[in-house]
C-alpha atoms as a PDB file:
ATOM      1  CA  MET A   1      28.459 -25.227  31.721  1.00  0.00           C
ATOM      2  CA  GLN A   2      29.963 -25.101  35.525  1.00  0.00           C
ATOM      3  CA  ASN A   3      30.574 -21.284  35.481  1.00  0.00           C
ATOM      4  CA  SER A   4      26.994 -20.596  34.977  1.00  0.00           C
ATOM      5  CA  GLN A   5      26.500 -22.197  39.011  1.00  0.00           C
ATOM      6  CA  LYS A   6      27.528 -18.510  39.553  1.00  0.00           C
ATOM      7  CA  LEU A   7      24.248 -17.097  38.820  1.00  0.00           C
ATOM      8  CA  ILE A   8      21.716 -17.206  41.028  1.00  0.00           C
ATOM      9  CA  PRO A   9      17.912 -16.786  40.332  1.00  0.00           C
ATOM     10  CA  PRO A  10      15.872 -15.082  39.629  1.00  0.00           C
ATOM     11  CA  LEU A  11      17.695 -15.103  36.533  1.00  0.00           C
ATOM     12  CA  SER A  12      17.146 -11.970  34.559  1.00  0.00           C
ATOM     13  CA  GLY A  13      17.045 -11.281  31.161  1.00  0.00           C
ATOM     14  CA  LYS A  14      15.929  -9.122  28.215  1.00  0.00           C
ATOM     15  CA  CYS A  15      15.537  -8.588  24.236  1.00  0.00           C
ATOM     16  CA  HIS A  16      17.782  -6.819  22.559  1.00  0.00           C
ATOM     17  CA  CYS A  17      15.880  -3.590  22.920  1.00  0.00           C
ATOM     18  CA  GLY A  18      14.980  -4.005  26.100  1.00  0.00           C
ATOM     19  CA  LYS A  19      11.305  -3.716  25.720  1.00  0.00           C
ATOM     20  CA  ILE A  20      10.673  -7.631  27.267  1.00  0.00           C
ATOM     21  CA  GLU A  21      12.204  -8.249  30.146  1.00  0.00           C
ATOM     22  CA  PHE A  22      11.391 -11.694  32.166  1.00  0.00           C
ATOM     23  CA  GLU A  23      12.731 -13.345  35.405  1.00  0.00           C
ATOM     24  CA  LEU A  24      13.555 -17.371  35.941  1.00  0.00           C
ATOM     25  CA  MET A  25      12.918 -18.531  39.079  1.00  0.00           C
ATOM     26  CA  CYS A  26      15.625 -21.293  38.415  1.00  0.00           C
ATOM     27  CA  HIS A  27      18.787 -22.697  37.843  1.00  0.00           C
ATOM     28  CA  LEU A  28      20.026 -23.128  34.276  1.00  0.00           C
ATOM     29  CA  LYS A  29      19.517 -26.734  33.460  1.00  0.00           C
ATOM     30  CA  ASP A  30      18.963 -29.270  30.268  1.00  0.00           C
ATOM     31  CA  LEU A  31      20.734 -26.787  28.104  1.00  0.00           C
ATOM     32  CA  LYS A  32      20.299 -27.943  24.039  1.00  0.00           C
ATOM     33  CA  ARG A  33      19.918 -27.202  20.891  1.00  0.00           C
ATOM     34  CA  CYS A  34      16.520 -28.239  18.267  1.00  0.00           C
ATOM     35  CA  ASN A  35      16.983 -29.639  15.235  1.00  0.00           C
ATOM     36  CA  CYS A  36      13.038 -28.816  13.958  1.00  0.00           C
ATOM     37  CA  SER A  37      13.240 -26.966  10.590  1.00  0.00           C
ATOM     38  CA  HIS A  38      12.433 -23.527  12.706  1.00  0.00           C
ATOM     39  CA  CYS A  39      14.868 -23.644  15.342  1.00  0.00           C
ATOM     40  CA  ARG A  40      17.673 -25.027  13.699  1.00  0.00           C
ATOM     41  CA  ARG A  41      17.734 -21.532  11.821  1.00  0.00           C
ATOM     42  CA  LYS A  42      17.447 -19.445  14.648  1.00  0.00           C
ATOM     43  CA  GLY A  43      20.282 -21.493  16.066  1.00  0.00           C
ATOM     44  CA  PHE A  44      20.095 -20.087  19.635  1.00  0.00           C
ATOM     45  CA  VAL A  45      21.033 -22.693  22.821  1.00  0.00           C
ATOM     46  CA  MET A  46      17.939 -22.790  24.926  1.00  0.00           C
ATOM     47  CA  THR A  47      17.061 -23.601  29.029  1.00  0.00           C
ATOM     48  CA  THR A  48      13.983 -25.448  30.200  1.00  0.00           C
ATOM     49  CA  VAL A  49      12.120 -24.016  32.399  1.00  0.00           C
ATOM     50  CA  LYS A  50       8.251 -25.033  34.061  1.00  0.00           C
ATOM     51  CA  LEU A  51       5.594 -22.240  32.908  1.00  0.00           C
ATOM     52  CA  ASP A  52       5.471 -21.093  36.374  1.00  0.00           C
ATOM     53  CA  GLU A  53       9.654 -20.666  36.523  1.00  0.00           C
ATOM     54  CA  PHE A  54       9.114 -18.121  33.903  1.00  0.00           C
ATOM     55  CA  LYS A  55       8.145 -14.423  34.602  1.00  0.00           C
ATOM     56  CA  LEU A  56       7.152 -11.735  32.060  1.00  0.00           C
ATOM     57  CA  ILE A  57       8.322  -9.008  33.963  1.00  0.00           C
ATOM     58  CA  SER A  58       7.525  -5.665  31.012  1.00  0.00           C
ATOM     59  CA  GLY A  59       7.014  -5.808  27.411  1.00  0.00           C
ATOM     60  CA  LYS A  60       3.548  -7.765  27.337  1.00  0.00           C
ATOM     61  CA  LYS A  61       2.049  -5.817  24.177  1.00  0.00           C
ATOM     62  CA  ASP A  62       5.942  -5.618  22.242  1.00  0.00           C
ATOM     63  CA  LEU A  63       5.899  -9.455  22.485  1.00  0.00           C
ATOM     64  CA  MET A  64       4.450 -11.343  19.139  1.00  0.00           C
ATOM     65  CA  VAL A  65       4.035 -15.007  18.694  1.00  0.00           C
ATOM     66  CA  TYR A  66       4.650 -17.079  16.086  1.00  0.00           C
ATOM     67  CA  LYS A  67       3.172 -20.640  15.400  1.00  0.00           C
ATOM     68  CA  TRP A  68       3.354 -22.540  12.437  1.00  0.00           C
ATOM     69  CA  ASN A  69       2.484 -26.428  11.070  1.00  0.00           C
ATOM     70  CA  THR A  70       0.846 -27.636  14.206  1.00  0.00           C
ATOM     71  CA  LYS A  71       0.069 -24.218  15.986  1.00  0.00           C
ATOM     72  CA  ILE A  72       0.770 -26.031  19.036  1.00  0.00           C
ATOM     73  CA  ALA A  73       4.334 -24.252  19.509  1.00  0.00           C
ATOM     74  CA  LYS A  74       4.665 -20.569  20.801  1.00  0.00           C
ATOM     75  CA  HIS A  75       7.276 -19.018  19.642  1.00  0.00           C
ATOM     76  CA  TYR A  76       7.546 -15.740  21.199  1.00  0.00           C
ATOM     77  CA  PHE A  77       9.548 -12.795  19.904  1.00  0.00           C
ATOM     78  CA  CYS A  78       9.887  -8.975  20.451  1.00  0.00           C
ATOM     79  CA  LYS A  79       8.530  -6.690  17.529  1.00  0.00           C
ATOM     80  CA  HIS A  80      10.642  -4.081  17.877  1.00  0.00           C
ATOM     81  CA  CYS A  81      14.214  -5.976  17.900  1.00  0.00           C
ATOM     82  CA  GLY A  82      13.032  -9.290  16.674  1.00  0.00           C
ATOM     83  CA  ILE A  83      14.795 -11.552  19.331  1.00  0.00           C
ATOM     84  CA  ASN A  84      13.268 -15.002  19.975  1.00  0.00           C
ATOM     85  CA  THR A  85      13.053 -14.917  24.035  1.00  0.00           C
ATOM     86  CA  HIS A  86      11.651 -17.796  24.772  1.00  0.00           C
ATOM     87  CA  HIS A  87       9.086 -20.347  23.609  1.00  0.00           C
ATOM     88  CA  GLN A  88       6.350 -22.854  24.664  1.00  0.00           C
ATOM     89  CA  ARG A  89       7.453 -26.131  23.333  1.00  0.00           C
ATOM     90  CA  ARG A  90       5.156 -28.627  21.179  1.00  0.00           C
ATOM     91  CA  SER A  91       6.450 -31.627  22.895  1.00  0.00           C
ATOM     92  CA  LYS A  92       6.140 -30.479  26.686  1.00  0.00           C
ATOM     93  CA  PRO A  93       3.718 -27.435  26.695  1.00  0.00           C
ATOM     94  CA  ASN A  94       4.082 -27.298  30.259  1.00  0.00           C
ATOM     95  CA  GLU A  95       7.506 -26.153  29.872  1.00  0.00           C
ATOM     96  CA  TYR A  96       9.203 -23.212  27.863  1.00  0.00           C
ATOM     97  CA  GLY A  97      12.641 -23.322  26.247  1.00  0.00           C
ATOM     98  CA  VAL A  98      14.234 -20.095  26.879  1.00  0.00           C
ATOM     99  CA  ASN A  99      16.871 -18.560  24.750  1.00  0.00           C
ATOM    100  CA  ILE A 100      20.369 -18.131  27.344  1.00  0.00           C
ATOM    101  CA  GLY A 101      21.274 -15.736  25.339  1.00  0.00           C
ATOM    102  CA  CYS A 102      18.984 -13.181  26.294  1.00  0.00           C
ATOM    103  CA  LEU A 103      20.009 -13.791  30.415  1.00  0.00           C
ATOM    104  CA  GLU A 104      22.023 -11.179  31.975  1.00  0.00           C
ATOM    105  CA  GLY A 105      25.555 -12.259  33.214  1.00  0.00           C
ATOM    106  CA  PHE A 106      25.411 -15.127  31.204  1.00  0.00           C
ATOM    107  CA  LYS A 107      28.625 -15.427  29.124  1.00  0.00           C
ATOM    108  CA  MET A 108      29.040 -17.593  25.685  1.00  0.00           C
ATOM    109  CA  GLU A 109      31.927 -18.947  26.333  1.00  0.00           C
ATOM    110  CA  TRP A 110      30.545 -21.381  29.168  1.00  0.00           C
ATOM    111  CA  ILE A 111      29.105 -23.494  26.770  1.00  0.00           C
ATOM    112  CA  GLU A 112      30.211 -26.917  26.251  1.00  0.00           C
ATOM    113  CA  ASN A 113      29.100 -29.650  23.644  1.00  0.00           C
ATOM    114  CA  VAL A 114      25.149 -28.711  23.734  1.00  0.00           C
ATOM    115  CA  LYS A 115      23.272 -31.572  22.969  1.00  0.00           C
ATOM    116  CA  TYR A 116      20.581 -31.696  20.352  1.00  0.00           C
ATOM    117  CA  THR A 117      16.612 -32.437  20.990  1.00  0.00           C
ATOM    118  CA  GLU A 118      14.948 -33.877  18.293  1.00  0.00           C
ATOM    119  CA  GLY A 119      12.472 -32.017  17.110  1.00  0.00           C
ATOM    120  CA  VAL A 120      12.079 -33.135  13.527  1.00  0.00           C
ATOM    121  CA  LYS A 121      11.158 -36.708  14.710  1.00  0.00           C
ATOM    122  CA  PHE A 122       8.772 -35.449  17.312  1.00  0.00           C
ATOM    123  CA  SER A 123       6.029 -37.795  17.184  1.00  0.00           C
ATOM    124  CA  LEU A 124       2.854 -35.315  16.554  1.00  0.00           C
ATOM    125  CA  GLU A 125       0.448 -38.699  17.994  1.00  0.00           C
ATOM    126  CA  ASP A 126       1.621 -37.704  21.332  1.00  0.00           C
ATOM    127  CA  LYS A 127      -0.072 -34.966  21.502  1.00  0.00           C
ATOM    128  CA  THR A 128      -3.241 -36.967  22.506  1.00  0.00           C
ATOM    129  CA  LYS A 129      -1.721 -37.735  25.759  1.00  0.00           C
ATOM    130  CA  ILE A 130      -1.875 -33.791  26.422  1.00  0.00           C
ATOM    131  CA  ASP A 131      -4.676 -32.293  28.078  1.00  0.00           C
ATOM    132  CA  ALA A 132      -6.270 -29.995  25.127  1.00  0.00           C
ATOM    133  CA  SER A 133      -7.432 -27.535  27.257  1.00  0.00           C
ATOM    134  CA  ILE A 134      -4.279 -25.712  27.452  1.00  0.00           C
ATOM    135  CA  TYR A 135      -3.786 -24.862  23.694  1.00  0.00           C
ATOM    136  CA  GLU A 136      -5.157 -21.620  22.223  1.00  0.00           C
ATOM    137  CA  LYS A 137      -8.302 -21.783  20.341  1.00  0.00           C
END
């Protein structure tokens, strides 16, 4: 991923139709794919950002959320074009995984040997160590 260093924050991103626009206030880091039953079907590569490093610029009313199973992880997508832009993680709810395919200027050929995170093996017991106030009721 050496060529991605040319991208200087803030990094701009958007869904396919352009209704959802966002910025990342950080460099790309920790590229990975998840092998949970939901993410493996989407198949995109994501970067990791802290919640305060992600800024939604436009499209809040066009952004939909998909929650399943434990209802902790929040997978955000555009209600018009269906593109998943980002998700708030179940394992680390203080982080987003952001779909790097949505980033302006990122070239997919930069991706080499992306590791998988073990979403299938994540223990739900770990959620007891997380502050419950961060979850939506």
